[in-house]
Amino acid sequence: VAEECTDNGILLFNPGSLSAYSAF
């Protein structure tokens, strides 16, 4: 699951997936 957020000043970044089985 792609997401970006900041927690206590730390950037947390997930690019999601390039799997053929992902929602997108």
PDBML (XML) file of the C-alpha atoms, coordinates in Angstrom:
<?xml version="1.0" encoding="UTF-8" ?>
<PDBx:datablock datablockName="MODEL"
   xmlns:PDBx="http://pdbml.pdb.org/schema/pdbx-v50.xsd"
   xmlns:xsi="http://www.w3.org/2001/XMLSchema-instance"
   xsi:schemaLocation="http://pdbml.pdb.org/schema/pdbx-v50.xsd pdbx-v50.xsd">
   <PDBx:atom_siteCategory>
      <PDBx:atom_site id="1">
         <PDBx:B_iso_or_equiv>0.00</PDBx:B_iso_or_equiv>
         <PDBx:Cartn_x>0.000</PDBx:Cartn_x>
         <PDBx:Cartn_y>0.000</PDBx:Cartn_y>
         <PDBx:Cartn_z>0.000</PDBx:Cartn_z>
         <PDBx:auth_asym_id>A</PDBx:auth_asym_id>
         <PDBx:auth_atom_id>CA</PDBx:auth_atom_id>
         <PDBx:auth_comp_id>VAL</PDBx:auth_comp_id>
         <PDBx:auth_seq_id>1</PDBx:auth_seq_id>
         <PDBx:group_PDB>ATOM</PDBx:group_PDB>
         <PDBx:label_alt_id xsi:nil="true" />
         <PDBx:label_asym_id>A</PDBx:label_asym_id>
         <PDBx:label_atom_id>CA</PDBx:label_atom_id>
         <PDBx:label_comp_id>VAL</PDBx:label_comp_id>
         <PDBx:label_entity_id>1</PDBx:label_entity_id>
         <PDBx:label_seq_id>1</PDBx:label_seq_id>
         <PDBx:occupancy>1.00</PDBx:occupancy>
         <PDBx:pdbx_PDB_model_num>1</PDBx:pdbx_PDB_model_num>
         <PDBx:type_symbol>C</PDBx:type_symbol>
      </PDBx:atom_site>
      <PDBx:atom_site id="2">
         <PDBx:B_iso_or_equiv>0.00</PDBx:B_iso_or_equiv>
         <PDBx:Cartn_x>1.523</PDBx:Cartn_x>
         <PDBx:Cartn_y>3.283</PDBx:Cartn_y>
         <PDBx:Cartn_z>-1.134</PDBx:Cartn_z>
         <PDBx:auth_asym_id>A</PDBx:auth_asym_id>
         <PDBx:auth_atom_id>CA</PDBx:auth_atom_id>
         <PDBx:auth_comp_id>ALA</PDBx:auth_comp_id>
         <PDBx:auth_seq_id>2</PDBx:auth_seq_id>
         <PDBx:group_PDB>ATOM</PDBx:group_PDB>
         <PDBx:label_alt_id xsi:nil="true" />
         <PDBx:label_asym_id>A</PDBx:label_asym_id>
         <PDBx:label_atom_id>CA</PDBx:label_atom_id>
         <PDBx:label_comp_id>ALA</PDBx:label_comp_id>
         <PDBx:label_entity_id>1</PDBx:label_entity_id>
         <PDBx:label_seq_id>2</PDBx:label_seq_id>
         <PDBx:occupancy>1.00</PDBx:occupancy>
         <PDBx:pdbx_PDB_model_num>1</PDBx:pdbx_PDB_model_num>
         <PDBx:type_symbol>C</PDBx:type_symbol>
      </PDBx:atom_site>
      <PDBx:atom_site id="3">
         <PDBx:B_iso_or_equiv>0.00</PDBx:B_iso_or_equiv>
         <PDBx:Cartn_x>1.592</PDBx:Cartn_x>
         <PDBx:Cartn_y>5.958</PDBx:Cartn_y>
         <PDBx:Cartn_z>1.535</PDBx:Cartn_z>
         <PDBx:auth_asym_id>A</PDBx:auth_asym_id>
         <PDBx:auth_atom_id>CA</PDBx:auth_atom_id>
         <PDBx:auth_comp_id>GLU</PDBx:auth_comp_id>
         <PDBx:auth_seq_id>3</PDBx:auth_seq_id>
         <PDBx:group_PDB>ATOM</PDBx:group_PDB>
         <PDBx:label_alt_id xsi:nil="true" />
         <PDBx:label_asym_id>A</PDBx:label_asym_id>
         <PDBx:label_atom_id>CA</PDBx:label_atom_id>
         <PDBx:label_comp_id>GLU</PDBx:label_comp_id>
         <PDBx:label_entity_id>1</PDBx:label_entity_id>
         <PDBx:label_seq_id>3</PDBx:label_seq_id>
         <PDBx:occupancy>1.00</PDBx:occupancy>
         <PDBx:pdbx_PDB_model_num>1</PDBx:pdbx_PDB_model_num>
         <PDBx:type_symbol>C</PDBx:type_symbol>
      </PDBx:atom_site>
      <PDBx:atom_site id="4">
         <PDBx:B_iso_or_equiv>0.00</PDBx:B_iso_or_equiv>
         <PDBx:Cartn_x>3.539</PDBx:Cartn_x>
         <PDBx:Cartn_y>8.906</PDBx:Cartn_y>
         <PDBx:Cartn_z>2.842</PDBx:Cartn_z>
         <PDBx:auth_asym_id>A</PDBx:auth_asym_id>
         <PDBx:auth_atom_id>CA</PDBx:auth_atom_id>
         <PDBx:auth_comp_id>GLU</PDBx:auth_comp_id>
         <PDBx:auth_seq_id>4</PDBx:auth_seq_id>
         <PDBx:group_PDB>ATOM</PDBx:group_PDB>
         <PDBx:label_alt_id xsi:nil="true" />
         <PDBx:label_asym_id>A</PDBx:label_asym_id>
         <PDBx:label_atom_id>CA</PDBx:label_atom_id>
         <PDBx:label_comp_id>GLU</PDBx:label_comp_id>
         <PDBx:label_entity_id>1</PDBx:label_entity_id>
         <PDBx:label_seq_id>4</PDBx:label_seq_id>
         <PDBx:occupancy>1.00</PDBx:occupancy>
         <PDBx:pdbx_PDB_model_num>1</PDBx:pdbx_PDB_model_num>
         <PDBx:type_symbol>C</PDBx:type_symbol>
      </PDBx:atom_site>
      <PDBx:atom_site id="5">
         <PDBx:B_iso_or_equiv>0.00</PDBx:B_iso_or_equiv>
         <PDBx:Cartn_x>3.280</PDBx:Cartn_x>
         <PDBx:Cartn_y>10.422</PDBx:Cartn_y>
         <PDBx:Cartn_z>6.285</PDBx:Cartn_z>
         <PDBx:auth_asym_id>A</PDBx:auth_asym_id>
         <PDBx:auth_atom_id>CA</PDBx:auth_atom_id>
         <PDBx:auth_comp_id>CYS</PDBx:auth_comp_id>
         <PDBx:auth_seq_id>5</PDBx:auth_seq_id>
         <PDBx:group_PDB>ATOM</PDBx:group_PDB>
         <PDBx:label_alt_id xsi:nil="true" />
         <PDBx:label_asym_id>A</PDBx:label_asym_id>
         <PDBx:label_atom_id>CA</PDBx:label_atom_id>
         <PDBx:label_comp_id>CYS</PDBx:label_comp_id>
         <PDBx:label_entity_id>1</PDBx:label_entity_id>
         <PDBx:label_seq_id>5</PDBx:label_seq_id>
         <PDBx:occupancy>1.00</PDBx:occupancy>
         <PDBx:pdbx_PDB_model_num>1</PDBx:pdbx_PDB_model_num>
         <PDBx:type_symbol>C</PDBx:type_symbol>
      </PDBx:atom_site>
      <PDBx:atom_site id="6">
         <PDBx:B_iso_or_equiv>0.00</PDBx:B_iso_or_equiv>
         <PDBx:Cartn_x>5.385</PDBx:Cartn_x>
         <PDBx:Cartn_y>12.208</PDBx:Cartn_y>
         <PDBx:Cartn_z>8.862</PDBx:Cartn_z>
         <PDBx:auth_asym_id>A</PDBx:auth_asym_id>
         <PDBx:auth_atom_id>CA</PDBx:auth_atom_id>
         <PDBx:auth_comp_id>THR</PDBx:auth_comp_id>
         <PDBx:auth_seq_id>6</PDBx:auth_seq_id>
         <PDBx:group_PDB>ATOM</PDBx:group_PDB>
         <PDBx:label_alt_id xsi:nil="true" />
         <PDBx:label_asym_id>A</PDBx:label_asym_id>
         <PDBx:label_atom_id>CA</PDBx:label_atom_id>
         <PDBx:label_comp_id>THR</PDBx:label_comp_id>
         <PDBx:label_entity_id>1</PDBx:label_entity_id>
         <PDBx:label_seq_id>6</PDBx:label_seq_id>
         <PDBx:occupancy>1.00</PDBx:occupancy>
         <PDBx:pdbx_PDB_model_num>1</PDBx:pdbx_PDB_model_num>
         <PDBx:type_symbol>C</PDBx:type_symbol>
      </PDBx:atom_site>
      <PDBx:atom_site id="7">
         <PDBx:B_iso_or_equiv>0.00</PDBx:B_iso_or_equiv>
         <PDBx:Cartn_x>5.580</PDBx:Cartn_x>
         <PDBx:Cartn_y>10.983</PDBx:Cartn_y>
         <PDBx:Cartn_z>12.458</PDBx:Cartn_z>
         <PDBx:auth_asym_id>A</PDBx:auth_asym_id>
         <PDBx:auth_atom_id>CA</PDBx:auth_atom_id>
         <PDBx:auth_comp_id>ASP</PDBx:auth_comp_id>
         <PDBx:auth_seq_id>7</PDBx:auth_seq_id>
         <PDBx:group_PDB>ATOM</PDBx:group_PDB>
         <PDBx:label_alt_id xsi:nil="true" />
         <PDBx:label_asym_id>A</PDBx:label_asym_id>
         <PDBx:label_atom_id>CA</PDBx:label_atom_id>
         <PDBx:label_comp_id>ASP</PDBx:label_comp_id>
         <PDBx:label_entity_id>1</PDBx:label_entity_id>
         <PDBx:label_seq_id>7</PDBx:label_seq_id>
         <PDBx:occupancy>1.00</PDBx:occupancy>
         <PDBx:pdbx_PDB_model_num>1</PDBx:pdbx_PDB_model_num>
         <PDBx:type_symbol>C</PDBx:type_symbol>
      </PDBx:atom_site>
      <PDBx:atom_site id="8">
         <PDBx:B_iso_or_equiv>0.00</PDBx:B_iso_or_equiv>
         <PDBx:Cartn_x>7.482</PDBx:Cartn_x>
         <PDBx:Cartn_y>12.967</PDBx:Cartn_y>
         <PDBx:Cartn_z>15.075</PDBx:Cartn_z>
         <PDBx:auth_asym_id>A</PDBx:auth_asym_id>
         <PDBx:auth_atom_id>CA</PDBx:auth_atom_id>
         <PDBx:auth_comp_id>ASN</PDBx:auth_comp_id>
         <PDBx:auth_seq_id>8</PDBx:auth_seq_id>
         <PDBx:group_PDB>ATOM</PDBx:group_PDB>
         <PDBx:label_alt_id xsi:nil="true" />
         <PDBx:label_asym_id>A</PDBx:label_asym_id>
         <PDBx:label_atom_id>CA</PDBx:label_atom_id>
         <PDBx:label_comp_id>ASN</PDBx:label_comp_id>
         <PDBx:label_entity_id>1</PDBx:label_entity_id>
         <PDBx:label_seq_id>8</PDBx:label_seq_id>
         <PDBx:occupancy>1.00</PDBx:occupancy>
         <PDBx:pdbx_PDB_model_num>1</PDBx:pdbx_PDB_model_num>
         <PDBx:type_symbol>C</PDBx:type_symbol>
      </PDBx:atom_site>
      <PDBx:atom_site id="9">
         <PDBx:B_iso_or_equiv>0.00</PDBx:B_iso_or_equiv>
         <PDBx:Cartn_x>9.465</PDBx:Cartn_x>
         <PDBx:Cartn_y>14.684</PDBx:Cartn_y>
         <PDBx:Cartn_z>12.314</PDBx:Cartn_z>
         <PDBx:auth_asym_id>A</PDBx:auth_asym_id>
         <PDBx:auth_atom_id>CA</PDBx:auth_atom_id>
         <PDBx:auth_comp_id>GLY</PDBx:auth_comp_id>
         <PDBx:auth_seq_id>9</PDBx:auth_seq_id>
         <PDBx:group_PDB>ATOM</PDBx:group_PDB>
         <PDBx:label_alt_id xsi:nil="true" />
         <PDBx:label_asym_id>A</PDBx:label_asym_id>
         <PDBx:label_atom_id>CA</PDBx:label_atom_id>
         <PDBx:label_comp_id>GLY</PDBx:label_comp_id>
         <PDBx:label_entity_id>1</PDBx:label_entity_id>
         <PDBx:label_seq_id>9</PDBx:label_seq_id>
         <PDBx:occupancy>1.00</PDBx:occupancy>
         <PDBx:pdbx_PDB_model_num>1</PDBx:pdbx_PDB_model_num>
         <PDBx:type_symbol>C</PDBx:type_symbol>
      </PDBx:atom_site>
      <PDBx:atom_site id="10">
         <PDBx:B_iso_or_equiv>0.00</PDBx:B_iso_or_equiv>
         <PDBx:Cartn_x>10.406</PDBx:Cartn_x>
         <PDBx:Cartn_y>11.436</PDBx:Cartn_y>
         <PDBx:Cartn_z>10.531</PDBx:Cartn_z>
         <PDBx:auth_asym_id>A</PDBx:auth_asym_id>
         <PDBx:auth_atom_id>CA</PDBx:auth_atom_id>
         <PDBx:auth_comp_id>ILE</PDBx:auth_comp_id>
         <PDBx:auth_seq_id>10</PDBx:auth_seq_id>
         <PDBx:group_PDB>ATOM</PDBx:group_PDB>
         <PDBx:label_alt_id xsi:nil="true" />
         <PDBx:label_asym_id>A</PDBx:label_asym_id>
         <PDBx:label_atom_id>CA</PDBx:label_atom_id>
         <PDBx:label_comp_id>ILE</PDBx:label_comp_id>
         <PDBx:label_entity_id>1</PDBx:label_entity_id>
         <PDBx:label_seq_id>10</PDBx:label_seq_id>
         <PDBx:occupancy>1.00</PDBx:occupancy>
         <PDBx:pdbx_PDB_model_num>1</PDBx:pdbx_PDB_model_num>
         <PDBx:type_symbol>C</PDBx:type_symbol>
      </PDBx:atom_site>
      <PDBx:atom_site id="11">
         <PDBx:B_iso_or_equiv>0.00</PDBx:B_iso_or_equiv>
         <PDBx:Cartn_x>9.189</PDBx:Cartn_x>
         <PDBx:Cartn_y>11.000</PDBx:Cartn_y>
         <PDBx:Cartn_z>6.955</PDBx:Cartn_z>
         <PDBx:auth_asym_id>A</PDBx:auth_asym_id>
         <PDBx:auth_atom_id>CA</PDBx:auth_atom_id>
         <PDBx:auth_comp_id>LEU</PDBx:auth_comp_id>
         <PDBx:auth_seq_id>11</PDBx:auth_seq_id>
         <PDBx:group_PDB>ATOM</PDBx:group_PDB>
         <PDBx:label_alt_id xsi:nil="true" />
         <PDBx:label_asym_id>A</PDBx:label_asym_id>
         <PDBx:label_atom_id>CA</PDBx:label_atom_id>
         <PDBx:label_comp_id>LEU</PDBx:label_comp_id>
         <PDBx:label_entity_id>1</PDBx:label_entity_id>
         <PDBx:label_seq_id>11</PDBx:label_seq_id>
         <PDBx:occupancy>1.00</PDBx:occupancy>
         <PDBx:pdbx_PDB_model_num>1</PDBx:pdbx_PDB_model_num>
         <PDBx:type_symbol>C</PDBx:type_symbol>
      </PDBx:atom_site>
      <PDBx:atom_site id="12">
         <PDBx:B_iso_or_equiv>0.00</PDBx:B_iso_or_equiv>
         <PDBx:Cartn_x>7.780</PDBx:Cartn_x>
         <PDBx:Cartn_y>7.492</PDBx:Cartn_y>
         <PDBx:Cartn_z>6.403</PDBx:Cartn_z>
         <PDBx:auth_asym_id>A</PDBx:auth_asym_id>
         <PDBx:auth_atom_id>CA</PDBx:auth_atom_id>
         <PDBx:auth_comp_id>LEU</PDBx:auth_comp_id>
         <PDBx:auth_seq_id>12</PDBx:auth_seq_id>
         <PDBx:group_PDB>ATOM</PDBx:group_PDB>
         <PDBx:label_alt_id xsi:nil="true" />
         <PDBx:label_asym_id>A</PDBx:label_asym_id>
         <PDBx:label_atom_id>CA</PDBx:label_atom_id>
         <PDBx:label_comp_id>LEU</PDBx:label_comp_id>
         <PDBx:label_entity_id>1</PDBx:label_entity_id>
         <PDBx:label_seq_id>12</PDBx:label_seq_id>
         <PDBx:occupancy>1.00</PDBx:occupancy>
         <PDBx:pdbx_PDB_model_num>1</PDBx:pdbx_PDB_model_num>
         <PDBx:type_symbol>C</PDBx:type_symbol>
      </PDBx:atom_site>
      <PDBx:atom_site id="13">
         <PDBx:B_iso_or_equiv>0.00</PDBx:B_iso_or_equiv>
         <PDBx:Cartn_x>7.464</PDBx:Cartn_x>
         <PDBx:Cartn_y>6.586</PDBx:Cartn_y>
         <PDBx:Cartn_z>2.726</PDBx:Cartn_z>
         <PDBx:auth_asym_id>A</PDBx:auth_asym_id>
         <PDBx:auth_atom_id>CA</PDBx:auth_atom_id>
         <PDBx:auth_comp_id>PHE</PDBx:auth_comp_id>
         <PDBx:auth_seq_id>13</PDBx:auth_seq_id>
         <PDBx:group_PDB>ATOM</PDBx:group_PDB>
         <PDBx:label_alt_id xsi:nil="true" />
         <PDBx:label_asym_id>A</PDBx:label_asym_id>
         <PDBx:label_atom_id>CA</PDBx:label_atom_id>
         <PDBx:label_comp_id>PHE</PDBx:label_comp_id>
         <PDBx:label_entity_id>1</PDBx:label_entity_id>
         <PDBx:label_seq_id>13</PDBx:label_seq_id>
         <PDBx:occupancy>1.00</PDBx:occupancy>
         <PDBx:pdbx_PDB_model_num>1</PDBx:pdbx_PDB_model_num>
         <PDBx:type_symbol>C</PDBx:type_symbol>
      </PDBx:atom_site>
      <PDBx:atom_site id="14">
         <PDBx:B_iso_or_equiv>0.00</PDBx:B_iso_or_equiv>
         <PDBx:Cartn_x>6.095</PDBx:Cartn_x>
         <PDBx:Cartn_y>3.430</PDBx:Cartn_y>
         <PDBx:Cartn_z>1.109</PDBx:Cartn_z>
         <PDBx:auth_asym_id>A</PDBx:auth_asym_id>
         <PDBx:auth_atom_id>CA</PDBx:auth_atom_id>
         <PDBx:auth_comp_id>ASN</PDBx:auth_comp_id>
         <PDBx:auth_seq_id>14</PDBx:auth_seq_id>
         <PDBx:group_PDB>ATOM</PDBx:group_PDB>
         <PDBx:label_alt_id xsi:nil="true" />
         <PDBx:label_asym_id>A</PDBx:label_asym_id>
         <PDBx:label_atom_id>CA</PDBx:label_atom_id>
         <PDBx:label_comp_id>ASN</PDBx:label_comp_id>
         <PDBx:label_entity_id>1</PDBx:label_entity_id>
         <PDBx:label_seq_id>14</PDBx:label_seq_id>
         <PDBx:occupancy>1.00</PDBx:occupancy>
         <PDBx:pdbx_PDB_model_num>1</PDBx:pdbx_PDB_model_num>
         <PDBx:type_symbol>C</PDBx:type_symbol>
      </PDBx:atom_site>
      <PDBx:atom_site id="15">
         <PDBx:B_iso_or_equiv>0.00</PDBx:B_iso_or_equiv>
         <PDBx:Cartn_x>6.112</PDBx:Cartn_x>
         <PDBx:Cartn_y>3.395</PDBx:Cartn_y>
         <PDBx:Cartn_z>-2.720</PDBx:Cartn_z>
         <PDBx:auth_asym_id>A</PDBx:auth_asym_id>
         <PDBx:auth_atom_id>CA</PDBx:auth_atom_id>
         <PDBx:auth_comp_id>PRO</PDBx:auth_comp_id>
         <PDBx:auth_seq_id>15</PDBx:auth_seq_id>
         <PDBx:group_PDB>ATOM</PDBx:group_PDB>
         <PDBx:label_alt_id xsi:nil="true" />
         <PDBx:label_asym_id>A</PDBx:label_asym_id>
         <PDBx:label_atom_id>CA</PDBx:label_atom_id>
         <PDBx:label_comp_id>PRO</PDBx:label_comp_id>
         <PDBx:label_entity_id>1</PDBx:label_entity_id>
         <PDBx:label_seq_id>15</PDBx:label_seq_id>
         <PDBx:occupancy>1.00</PDBx:occupancy>
         <PDBx:pdbx_PDB_model_num>1</PDBx:pdbx_PDB_model_num>
         <PDBx:type_symbol>C</PDBx:type_symbol>
      </PDBx:atom_site>
      <PDBx:atom_site id="16">
         <PDBx:B_iso_or_equiv>0.00</PDBx:B_iso_or_equiv>
         <PDBx:Cartn_x>3.511</PDBx:Cartn_x>
         <PDBx:Cartn_y>0.618</PDBx:Cartn_y>
         <PDBx:Cartn_z>-2.866</PDBx:Cartn_z>
         <PDBx:auth_asym_id>A</PDBx:auth_asym_id>
         <PDBx:auth_atom_id>CA</PDBx:auth_atom_id>
         <PDBx:auth_comp_id>GLY</PDBx:auth_comp_id>
         <PDBx:auth_seq_id>16</PDBx:auth_seq_id>
         <PDBx:group_PDB>ATOM</PDBx:group_PDB>
         <PDBx:label_alt_id xsi:nil="true" />
         <PDBx:label_asym_id>A</PDBx:label_asym_id>
         <PDBx:label_atom_id>CA</PDBx:label_atom_id>
         <PDBx:label_comp_id>GLY</PDBx:label_comp_id>
         <PDBx:label_entity_id>1</PDBx:label_entity_id>
         <PDBx:label_seq_id>16</PDBx:label_seq_id>
         <PDBx:occupancy>1.00</PDBx:occupancy>
         <PDBx:pdbx_PDB_model_num>1</PDBx:pdbx_PDB_model_num>
         <PDBx:type_symbol>C</PDBx:type_symbol>
      </PDBx:atom_site>
      <PDBx:atom_site id="17">
         <PDBx:B_iso_or_equiv>0.00</PDBx:B_iso_or_equiv>
         <PDBx:Cartn_x>4.017</PDBx:Cartn_x>
         <PDBx:Cartn_y>-2.433</PDBx:Cartn_y>
         <PDBx:Cartn_z>-5.041</PDBx:Cartn_z>
         <PDBx:auth_asym_id>A</PDBx:auth_asym_id>
         <PDBx:auth_atom_id>CA</PDBx:auth_atom_id>
         <PDBx:auth_comp_id>SER</PDBx:auth_comp_id>
         <PDBx:auth_seq_id>17</PDBx:auth_seq_id>
         <PDBx:group_PDB>ATOM</PDBx:group_PDB>
         <PDBx:label_alt_id xsi:nil="true" />
         <PDBx:label_asym_id>A</PDBx:label_asym_id>
         <PDBx:label_atom_id>CA</PDBx:label_atom_id>
         <PDBx:label_comp_id>SER</PDBx:label_comp_id>
         <PDBx:label_entity_id>1</PDBx:label_entity_id>
         <PDBx:label_seq_id>17</PDBx:label_seq_id>
         <PDBx:occupancy>1.00</PDBx:occupancy>
         <PDBx:pdbx_PDB_model_num>1</PDBx:pdbx_PDB_model_num>
         <PDBx:type_symbol>C</PDBx:type_symbol>
      </PDBx:atom_site>
      <PDBx:atom_site id="18">
         <PDBx:B_iso_or_equiv>0.00</PDBx:B_iso_or_equiv>
         <PDBx:Cartn_x>4.815</PDBx:Cartn_x>
         <PDBx:Cartn_y>-3.282</PDBx:Cartn_y>
         <PDBx:Cartn_z>-8.634</PDBx:Cartn_z>
         <PDBx:auth_asym_id>A</PDBx:auth_asym_id>
         <PDBx:auth_atom_id>CA</PDBx:auth_atom_id>
         <PDBx:auth_comp_id>LEU</PDBx:auth_comp_id>
         <PDBx:auth_seq_id>18</PDBx:auth_seq_id>
         <PDBx:group_PDB>ATOM</PDBx:group_PDB>
         <PDBx:label_alt_id xsi:nil="true" />
         <PDBx:label_asym_id>A</PDBx:label_asym_id>
         <PDBx:label_atom_id>CA</PDBx:label_atom_id>
         <PDBx:label_comp_id>LEU</PDBx:label_comp_id>
         <PDBx:label_entity_id>1</PDBx:label_entity_id>
         <PDBx:label_seq_id>18</PDBx:label_seq_id>
         <PDBx:occupancy>1.00</PDBx:occupancy>
         <PDBx:pdbx_PDB_model_num>1</PDBx:pdbx_PDB_model_num>
         <PDBx:type_symbol>C</PDBx:type_symbol>
      </PDBx:atom_site>
      <PDBx:atom_site id="19">
         <PDBx:B_iso_or_equiv>0.00</PDBx:B_iso_or_equiv>
         <PDBx:Cartn_x>3.389</PDBx:Cartn_x>
         <PDBx:Cartn_y>-6.768</PDBx:Cartn_y>
         <PDBx:Cartn_z>-8.167</PDBx:Cartn_z>
         <PDBx:auth_asym_id>A</PDBx:auth_asym_id>
         <PDBx:auth_atom_id>CA</PDBx:auth_atom_id>
         <PDBx:auth_comp_id>SER</PDBx:auth_comp_id>
         <PDBx:auth_seq_id>19</PDBx:auth_seq_id>
         <PDBx:group_PDB>ATOM</PDBx:group_PDB>
         <PDBx:label_alt_id xsi:nil="true" />
         <PDBx:label_asym_id>A</PDBx:label_asym_id>
         <PDBx:label_atom_id>CA</PDBx:label_atom_id>
         <PDBx:label_comp_id>SER</PDBx:label_comp_id>
         <PDBx:label_entity_id>1</PDBx:label_entity_id>
         <PDBx:label_seq_id>19</PDBx:label_seq_id>
         <PDBx:occupancy>1.00</PDBx:occupancy>
         <PDBx:pdbx_PDB_model_num>1</PDBx:pdbx_PDB_model_num>
         <PDBx:type_symbol>C</PDBx:type_symbol>
      </PDBx:atom_site>
      <PDBx:atom_site id="20">
         <PDBx:B_iso_or_equiv>0.00</PDBx:B_iso_or_equiv>
         <PDBx:Cartn_x>0.906</PDBx:Cartn_x>
         <PDBx:Cartn_y>-7.906</PDBx:Cartn_y>
         <PDBx:Cartn_z>-10.802</PDBx:Cartn_z>
         <PDBx:auth_asym_id>A</PDBx:auth_asym_id>
         <PDBx:auth_atom_id>CA</PDBx:auth_atom_id>
         <PDBx:auth_comp_id>ALA</PDBx:auth_comp_id>
         <PDBx:auth_seq_id>20</PDBx:auth_seq_id>
         <PDBx:group_PDB>ATOM</PDBx:group_PDB>
         <PDBx:label_alt_id xsi:nil="true" />
         <PDBx:label_asym_id>A</PDBx:label_asym_id>
         <PDBx:label_atom_id>CA</PDBx:label_atom_id>
         <PDBx:label_comp_id>ALA</PDBx:label_comp_id>
         <PDBx:label_entity_id>1</PDBx:label_entity_id>
         <PDBx:label_seq_id>20</PDBx:label_seq_id>
         <PDBx:occupancy>1.00</PDBx:occupancy>
         <PDBx:pdbx_PDB_model_num>1</PDBx:pdbx_PDB_model_num>
         <PDBx:type_symbol>C</PDBx:type_symbol>
      </PDBx:atom_site>
      <PDBx:atom_site id="21">
         <PDBx:B_iso_or_equiv>0.00</PDBx:B_iso_or_equiv>
         <PDBx:Cartn_x>-1.436</PDBx:Cartn_x>
         <PDBx:Cartn_y>-8.811</PDBx:Cartn_y>
         <PDBx:Cartn_z>-7.922</PDBx:Cartn_z>
         <PDBx:auth_asym_id>A</PDBx:auth_asym_id>
         <PDBx:auth_atom_id>CA</PDBx:auth_atom_id>
         <PDBx:auth_comp_id>TYR</PDBx:auth_comp_id>
         <PDBx:auth_seq_id>21</PDBx:auth_seq_id>
         <PDBx:group_PDB>ATOM</PDBx:group_PDB>
         <PDBx:label_alt_id xsi:nil="true" />
         <PDBx:label_asym_id>A</PDBx:label_asym_id>
         <PDBx:label_atom_id>CA</PDBx:label_atom_id>
         <PDBx:label_comp_id>TYR</PDBx:label_comp_id>
         <PDBx:label_entity_id>1</PDBx:label_entity_id>
         <PDBx:label_seq_id>21</PDBx:label_seq_id>
         <PDBx:occupancy>1.00</PDBx:occupancy>
         <PDBx:pdbx_PDB_model_num>1</PDBx:pdbx_PDB_model_num>
         <PDBx:type_symbol>C</PDBx:type_symbol>
      </PDBx:atom_site>
      <PDBx:atom_site id="22">
         <PDBx:B_iso_or_equiv>0.00</PDBx:B_iso_or_equiv>
         <PDBx:Cartn_x>-1.676</PDBx:Cartn_x>
         <PDBx:Cartn_y>-5.364</PDBx:Cartn_y>
         <PDBx:Cartn_z>-6.326</PDBx:Cartn_z>
         <PDBx:auth_asym_id>A</PDBx:auth_asym_id>
         <PDBx:auth_atom_id>CA</PDBx:auth_atom_id>
         <PDBx:auth_comp_id>SER</PDBx:auth_comp_id>
         <PDBx:auth_seq_id>22</PDBx:auth_seq_id>
         <PDBx:group_PDB>ATOM</PDBx:group_PDB>
         <PDBx:label_alt_id xsi:nil="true" />
         <PDBx:label_asym_id>A</PDBx:label_asym_id>
         <PDBx:label_atom_id>CA</PDBx:label_atom_id>
         <PDBx:label_comp_id>SER</PDBx:label_comp_id>
         <PDBx:label_entity_id>1</PDBx:label_entity_id>
         <PDBx:label_seq_id>22</PDBx:label_seq_id>
         <PDBx:occupancy>1.00</PDBx:occupancy>
         <PDBx:pdbx_PDB_model_num>1</PDBx:pdbx_PDB_model_num>
         <PDBx:type_symbol>C</PDBx:type_symbol>
      </PDBx:atom_site>
      <PDBx:atom_site id="23">
         <PDBx:B_iso_or_equiv>0.00</PDBx:B_iso_or_equiv>
         <PDBx:Cartn_x>-4.848</PDBx:Cartn_x>
         <PDBx:Cartn_y>-3.281</PDBx:Cartn_y>
         <PDBx:Cartn_z>-6.416</PDBx:Cartn_z>
         <PDBx:auth_asym_id>A</PDBx:auth_asym_id>
         <PDBx:auth_atom_id>CA</PDBx:auth_atom_id>
         <PDBx:auth_comp_id>ALA</PDBx:auth_comp_id>
         <PDBx:auth_seq_id>23</PDBx:auth_seq_id>
         <PDBx:group_PDB>ATOM</PDBx:group_PDB>
         <PDBx:label_alt_id xsi:nil="true" />
         <PDBx:label_asym_id>A</PDBx:label_asym_id>
         <PDBx:label_atom_id>CA</PDBx:label_atom_id>
         <PDBx:label_comp_id>ALA</PDBx:label_comp_id>
         <PDBx:label_entity_id>1</PDBx:label_entity_id>
         <PDBx:label_seq_id>23</PDBx:label_seq_id>
         <PDBx:occupancy>1.00</PDBx:occupancy>
         <PDBx:pdbx_PDB_model_num>1</PDBx:pdbx_PDB_model_num>
         <PDBx:type_symbol>C</PDBx:type_symbol>
      </PDBx:atom_site>
      <PDBx:atom_site id="24">
         <PDBx:B_iso_or_equiv>0.00</PDBx:B_iso_or_equiv>
         <PDBx:Cartn_x>-2.758</PDBx:Cartn_x>
         <PDBx:Cartn_y>-0.783</PDBx:Cartn_y>
         <PDBx:Cartn_z>-8.392</PDBx:Cartn_z>
         <PDBx:auth_asym_id>A</PDBx:auth_asym_id>
         <PDBx:auth_atom_id>CA</PDBx:auth_atom_id>
         <PDBx:auth_comp_id>PHE</PDBx:auth_comp_id>
         <PDBx:auth_seq_id>24</PDBx:auth_seq_id>
         <PDBx:group_PDB>ATOM</PDBx:group_PDB>
         <PDBx:label_alt_id xsi:nil="true" />
         <PDBx:label_asym_id>A</PDBx:label_asym_id>
         <PDBx:label_atom_id>CA</PDBx:label_atom_id>
         <PDBx:label_comp_id>PHE</PDBx:label_comp_id>
         <PDBx:label_entity_id>1</PDBx:label_entity_id>
         <PDBx:label_seq_id>24</PDBx:label_seq_id>
         <PDBx:occupancy>1.00</PDBx:occupancy>
         <PDBx:pdbx_PDB_model_num>1</PDBx:pdbx_PDB_model_num>
         <PDBx:type_symbol>C</PDBx:type_symbol>
      </PDBx:atom_site>
   </PDBx:atom_siteCategory>
</PDBx:datablock>
